[in-house]
C-alpha atoms as a PDB file:
ATOM      1  CA  UNK A   1       0.000   0.000   0.000  1.00  0.00           C
ATOM      2  CA  UNK A   2       1.380   3.382  -0.998  1.00  0.00           C
ATOM      3  CA  UNK A   3       1.100   6.557   1.046  1.00  0.00           C
ATOM      4  CA  UNK A   4       1.219   8.622  -2.124  1.00  0.00           C
ATOM      5  CA  UNK A   5      -2.162   8.634  -3.843  1.00  0.00           C
ATOM      6  CA  UNK A   6      -2.141   8.288  -7.609  1.00  0.00           C
ATOM      7  CA  UNK A   7      -4.800   9.607  -9.919  1.00  0.00           C
ATOM      8  CA  UNK A   8      -4.789   6.499 -12.093  1.00  0.00           C
ATOM      9  CA  UNK A   9      -3.685   2.918 -11.755  1.00  0.00           C
ATOM     10  CA  UNK A  10      -0.878   3.450 -14.293  1.00  0.00           C
ATOM     11  CA  UNK A  11       2.215   5.247 -13.030  1.00  0.00           C
ATOM     12  CA  UNK A  12       3.333   7.920 -15.482  1.00  0.00           C
ATOM     13  CA  UNK A  13       6.635   9.600 -14.503  1.00  0.00           C
ATOM     14  CA  UNK A  14       6.006  12.410 -16.998  1.00  0.00           C
ATOM     15  CA  UNK A  15       2.545  13.232 -15.743  1.00  0.00           C
ATOM     16  CA  UNK A  16       1.839  16.886 -15.012  1.00  0.00           C
ATOM     17  CA  UNK A  17      -0.513  15.827 -12.252  1.00  0.00           C
ATOM     18  CA  UNK A  18       1.262  17.089  -9.109  1.00  0.00           C
ATOM     19  CA  UNK A  19       0.554  15.468  -5.791  1.00  0.00           C
ATOM     20  CA  UNK A  20      -0.496  17.841  -3.034  1.00  0.00           C
ATOM     21  CA  UNK A  21       0.303  16.202   0.338  1.00  0.00           C
ATOM     22  CA  UNK A  22      -2.302  18.405   2.080  1.00  0.00           C
ATOM     23  CA  UNK A  23      -5.096  17.840  -0.404  1.00  0.00           C
ATOM     24  CA  UNK A  24      -8.320  17.096   1.411  1.00  0.00           C
ATOM     25  CA  UNK A  25      -7.125  18.360   4.786  1.00  0.00           C
ATOM     26  CA  UNK A  26      -9.561  20.811   6.362  1.00  0.00           C
ATOM     27  CA  UNK A  27      -7.018  23.557   6.987  1.00  0.00           C
ATOM     28  CA  UNK A  28      -5.567  23.565   3.471  1.00  0.00           C
ATOM     29  CA  UNK A  29      -8.476  25.370   1.828  1.00  0.00           C
ATOM     30  CA  UNK A  30      -8.828  27.741   4.772  1.00  0.00           C
ATOM     31  CA  UNK A  31      -5.189  28.847   4.482  1.00  0.00           C
ATOM     32  CA  UNK A  32      -5.462  29.375   0.763  1.00  0.00           C
ATOM     33  CA  UNK A  33      -8.681  31.317   1.069  1.00  0.00           C
ATOM     34  CA  UNK A  34      -7.194  33.442   3.864  1.00  0.00           C
ATOM     35  CA  UNK A  35      -4.156  34.384   1.777  1.00  0.00           C
ATOM     36  CA  UNK A  36      -6.411  35.065  -1.217  1.00  0.00           C
ATOM     37  CA  UNK A  37      -8.609  37.318   0.951  1.00  0.00           C
ATOM     38  CA  UNK A  38      -5.599  39.260   2.212  1.00  0.00           C
ATOM     39  CA  UNK A  39      -4.191  39.647  -1.283  1.00  0.00           C
ATOM     40  CA  UNK A  40      -7.529  40.704  -2.745  1.00  0.00           C
ATOM     41  CA  UNK A  41      -8.114  43.337  -0.046  1.00  0.00           C
ATOM     42  CA  UNK A  42      -5.489  45.524  -1.754  1.00  0.00           C
ATOM     43  CA  UNK A  43      -6.195  46.838  -5.242  1.00  0.00           C
ATOM     44  CA  UNK A  44      -3.981  45.161  -7.857  1.00  0.00           C
ATOM     45  CA  UNK A  45      -2.497  48.483  -8.938  1.00  0.00           C
ATOM     46  CA  UNK A  46      -1.016  49.138  -5.477  1.00  0.00           C
ATOM     47  CA  UNK A  47       0.031  45.649  -4.490  1.00  0.00           C
ATOM     48  CA  UNK A  48       3.619  45.726  -5.741  1.00  0.00           C
ATOM     49  CA  UNK A  49       4.470  49.074  -4.133  1.00  0.00           C
ATOM     50  CA  UNK A  50       2.978  47.825  -0.857  1.00  0.00           C
ATOM     51  CA  UNK A  51       5.128  44.707  -1.038  1.00  0.00           C
ATOM     52  CA  UNK A  52       8.464  46.512  -1.292  1.00  0.00           C
ATOM     53  CA  UNK A  53      11.135  43.895  -0.743  1.00  0.00           C
ATOM     54  CA  UNK A  54      13.949  44.616   1.706  1.00  0.00           C
ATOM     55  CA  UNK A  55      17.082  42.559   2.376  1.00  0.00           C
ATOM     56  CA  UNK A  56      18.869  42.961   5.730  1.00  0.00           C
ATOM     57  CA  UNK A  57      22.362  41.615   6.172  1.00  0.00           C
ATOM     58  CA  UNK A  58      24.767  41.974   9.053  1.00  0.00           C
ATOM     59  CA  UNK A  59      28.462  42.404   8.410  1.00  0.00           C
ATOM     60  CA  UNK A  60      31.178  42.600  11.074  1.00  0.00           C
ATOM     61  CA  UNK A  61      31.015  46.419  10.937  1.00  0.00           C
ATOM     62  CA  UNK A  62      27.411  47.284  10.049  1.00  0.00           C
ATOM     63  CA  UNK A  63      23.822  46.345   9.273  1.00  0.00           C
ATOM     64  CA  UNK A  64      22.974  46.848   5.592  1.00  0.00           C
ATOM     65  CA  UNK A  65      19.412  47.196   4.297  1.00  0.00           C
ATOM     66  CA  UNK A  66      18.680  47.047   0.557  1.00  0.00           C
ATOM     67  CA  UNK A  67      15.207  47.965  -0.682  1.00  0.00           C
ATOM     68  CA  UNK A  68      13.927  47.663  -4.240  1.00  0.00           C
ATOM     69  CA  UNK A  69      12.265  50.962  -5.133  1.00  0.00           C
ATOM     70  CA  UNK A  70      12.247  51.018  -8.951  1.00  0.00           C
ATOM     71  CA  UNK A  71      11.042  54.187 -10.572  1.00  0.00           C
ATOM     72  CA  UNK A  72      11.173  56.271  -7.382  1.00  0.00           C
ATOM     73  CA  UNK A  73      13.356  59.344  -7.040  1.00  0.00           C
ATOM     74  CA  UNK A  74      15.306  59.900  -3.853  1.00  0.00           C
ATOM     75  CA  UNK A  75      12.939  62.774  -3.036  1.00  0.00           C
ATOM     76  CA  UNK A  76      10.042  60.281  -2.955  1.00  0.00           C
ATOM     77  CA  UNK A  77      11.723  58.003  -0.370  1.00  0.00           C
ATOM     78  CA  UNK A  78      12.243  58.746   3.344  1.00  0.00           C
ATOM     79  CA  UNK A  79      14.597  57.002   5.760  1.00  0.00           C
ATOM     80  CA  UNK A  80      14.014  57.766   9.437  1.00  0.00           C
ATOM     81  CA  UNK A  81      15.070  56.467  12.839  1.00  0.00           C
ATOM     82  CA  UNK A  82      12.309  56.851  15.395  1.00  0.00           C
ATOM     83  CA  UNK A  83      12.162  56.016  19.095  1.00  0.00           C
ATOM     84  CA  UNK A  84      15.916  55.518  19.057  1.00  0.00           C
ATOM     85  CA  UNK A  85      15.901  52.003  17.584  1.00  0.00           C
ATOM     86  CA  UNK A  86      13.239  51.780  14.836  1.00  0.00           C
ATOM     87  CA  UNK A  87      14.464  52.196  11.257  1.00  0.00           C
ATOM     88  CA  UNK A  88      11.613  53.244   8.988  1.00  0.00           C
ATOM     89  CA  UNK A  89      11.827  53.228   5.199  1.00  0.00           C
ATOM     90  CA  UNK A  90       8.843  54.764   3.426  1.00  0.00           C
ATOM     91  CA  UNK A  91       7.956  56.185   0.064  1.00  0.00           C
ATOM     92  CA  UNK A  92       5.195  57.081  -2.312  1.00  0.00           C
ATOM     93  CA  UNK A  93       4.675  56.810  -6.043  1.00  0.00           C
ATOM     94  CA  UNK A  94       1.971  59.105  -7.318  1.00  0.00           C
ATOM     95  CA  UNK A  95      -0.133  58.746 -10.447  1.00  0.00           C
ATOM     96  CA  UNK A  96       1.094  60.477 -13.573  1.00  0.00           C
ATOM     97  CA  UNK A  97      -0.790  63.550 -14.684  1.00  0.00           C
ATOM     98  CA  UNK A  98      -3.380  62.677 -17.284  1.00  0.00           C
ATOM     99  CA  UNK A  99      -4.069  64.937 -20.190  1.00  0.00           C
ATOM    100  CA  UNK A 100      -7.488  65.048 -21.782  1.00  0.00           C
ATOM    101  CA  UNK A 101      -6.024  64.155 -25.182  1.00  0.00           C
ATOM    102  CA  UNK A 102      -4.287  60.980 -23.942  1.00  0.00           C
ATOM    103  CA  UNK A 103      -5.815  57.566 -24.494  1.00  0.00           C
ATOM    104  CA  UNK A 104      -4.587  54.928 -22.039  1.00  0.00           C
ATOM    105  CA  UNK A 105      -4.531  51.339 -23.259  1.00  0.00           C
ATOM    106  CA  UNK A 106      -3.045  49.747 -20.156  1.00  0.00           C
ATOM    107  CA  UNK A 107      -1.958  50.895 -16.685  1.00  0.00           C
ATOM    108  CA  UNK A 108       0.129  48.251 -14.908  1.00  0.00           C
ATOM    109  CA  UNK A 109       2.733  50.207 -12.982  1.00  0.00           C
ATOM    110  CA  UNK A 110       1.856  50.422  -9.338  1.00  0.00           C
ATOM    111  CA  UNK A 111       1.137  53.548  -7.354  1.00  0.00           C
ATOM    112  CA  UNK A 112       0.608  54.258  -3.701  1.00  0.00           C
ATOM    113  CA  UNK A 113       2.759  54.325  -0.615  1.00  0.00           C
ATOM    114  CA  UNK A 114       4.753  51.832   1.412  1.00  0.00           C
ATOM    115  CA  UNK A 115       6.305  51.732   4.865  1.00  0.00           C
ATOM    116  CA  UNK A 116       8.722  49.139   6.221  1.00  0.00           C
ATOM    117  CA  UNK A 117       9.915  49.215   9.840  1.00  0.00           C
ATOM    118  CA  UNK A 118      12.801  47.340  11.469  1.00  0.00           C
ATOM    119  CA  UNK A 119      13.844  47.200  15.123  1.00  0.00           C
ATOM    120  CA  UNK A 120      17.580  47.804  15.214  1.00  0.00           C
ATOM    121  CA  UNK A 121      19.762  45.814  17.625  1.00  0.00           C
ATOM    122  CA  UNK A 122      21.459  47.381  20.620  1.00  0.00           C
ATOM    123  CA  UNK A 123      24.844  47.621  18.879  1.00  0.00           C
ATOM    124  CA  UNK A 124      23.529  49.948  16.118  1.00  0.00           C
ATOM    125  CA  UNK A 125      24.975  53.456  15.929  1.00  0.00           C
ATOM    126  CA  UNK A 126      21.747  55.225  15.031  1.00  0.00           C
ATOM    127  CA  UNK A 127      23.453  58.637  14.851  1.00  0.00           C
ATOM    128  CA  UNK A 128      25.640  57.506  11.940  1.00  0.00           C
ATOM    129  CA  UNK A 129      23.058  56.020   9.543  1.00  0.00           C
ATOM    130  CA  UNK A 130      23.799  56.585   5.852  1.00  0.00           C
ATOM    131  CA  UNK A 131      21.536  56.057   2.844  1.00  0.00           C
ATOM    132  CA  UNK A 132      22.238  55.989  -0.886  1.00  0.00           C
ATOM    133  CA  UNK A 133      20.134  55.206  -3.934  1.00  0.00           C
ATOM    134  CA  UNK A 134      21.385  53.794  -7.209  1.00  0.00           C
ATOM    135  CA  UNK A 135      19.531  52.122 -10.090  1.00  0.00           C
ATOM    136  CA  UNK A 136      16.275  51.754  -8.130  1.00  0.00           C
ATOM    137  CA  UNK A 137      17.926  50.175  -5.075  1.00  0.00           C
ATOM    138  CA  UNK A 138      18.017  52.046  -1.769  1.00  0.00           C
ATOM    139  CA  UNK A 139      20.943  51.033   0.445  1.00  0.00           C
ATOM    140  CA  UNK A 140      20.809  52.006   4.124  1.00  0.00           C
ATOM    141  CA  UNK A 141      23.954  51.349   6.174  1.00  0.00           C
ATOM    142  CA  UNK A 142      23.782  51.362   9.961  1.00  0.00           C
ATOM    143  CA  UNK A 143      27.257  51.102  11.548  1.00  0.00           C
ATOM    144  CA  UNK A 144      27.764  48.829  14.557  1.00  0.00           C
ATOM    145  CA  UNK A 145      29.520  49.651  17.784  1.00  0.00           C
ATOM    146  CA  UNK A 146      32.615  47.618  18.472  1.00  0.00           C
ATOM    147  CA  UNK A 147      32.391  44.785  20.962  1.00  0.00           C
ATOM    148  CA  UNK A 148      32.141  46.086  24.483  1.00  0.00           C
ATOM    149  CA  UNK A 149      35.234  45.427  26.507  1.00  0.00           C
ATOM    150  CA  UNK A 150      34.375  43.891  29.788  1.00  0.00           C
ATOM    151  CA  UNK A 151      35.984  45.617  32.726  1.00  0.00           C
ATOM    152  CA  UNK A 152      37.680  43.027  34.845  1.00  0.00           C
ATOM    153  CA  UNK A 153      38.648  44.125  38.296  1.00  0.00           C
ATOM    154  CA  UNK A 154      40.768  41.925  40.494  1.00  0.00           C
ATOM    155  CA  UNK A 155      39.525  41.588  44.048  1.00  0.00           C
ATOM    156  CA  UNK A 156      42.083  41.086  46.755  1.00  0.00           C
ATOM    157  CA  UNK A 157      41.201  38.203  49.048  1.00  0.00           C
ATOM    158  CA  UNK A 158      41.826  38.959  52.684  1.00  0.00           C
ATOM    159  CA  UNK A 159      42.544  36.508  55.393  1.00  0.00           C
END
């Protein structure tokens, strides 16, 4: 007896019929419908700007954040540190001005605003944050403090 259900009695290794291990489980459809509901709650034209992707890597000397912001100018993006340890990257792409004589055939580029927030670790030097933008990629560099030297004090033992 096989644990993998097959659609037919003949095994076809080239079949495009993909086995879903969670097919028929009660939670499978609920999870899919939940993610579909979340995705559909945002208009399609704003979904990609709302889902701005950010990479965060830690090097020995700094924390580096890279955000994809294609088509945005540096004036349309803000980088802020709030409450001492929260790095906030936000921006907005506005709709192009329409002229009465223009005929639009398709509008696929997204518009709207985005905000991404990250709690910085204790070793971040928030007063020395630098940001640069090149080819639609925003790079935010947050330097790290060096390792704290532990103060060791010798205690004389009496007696």
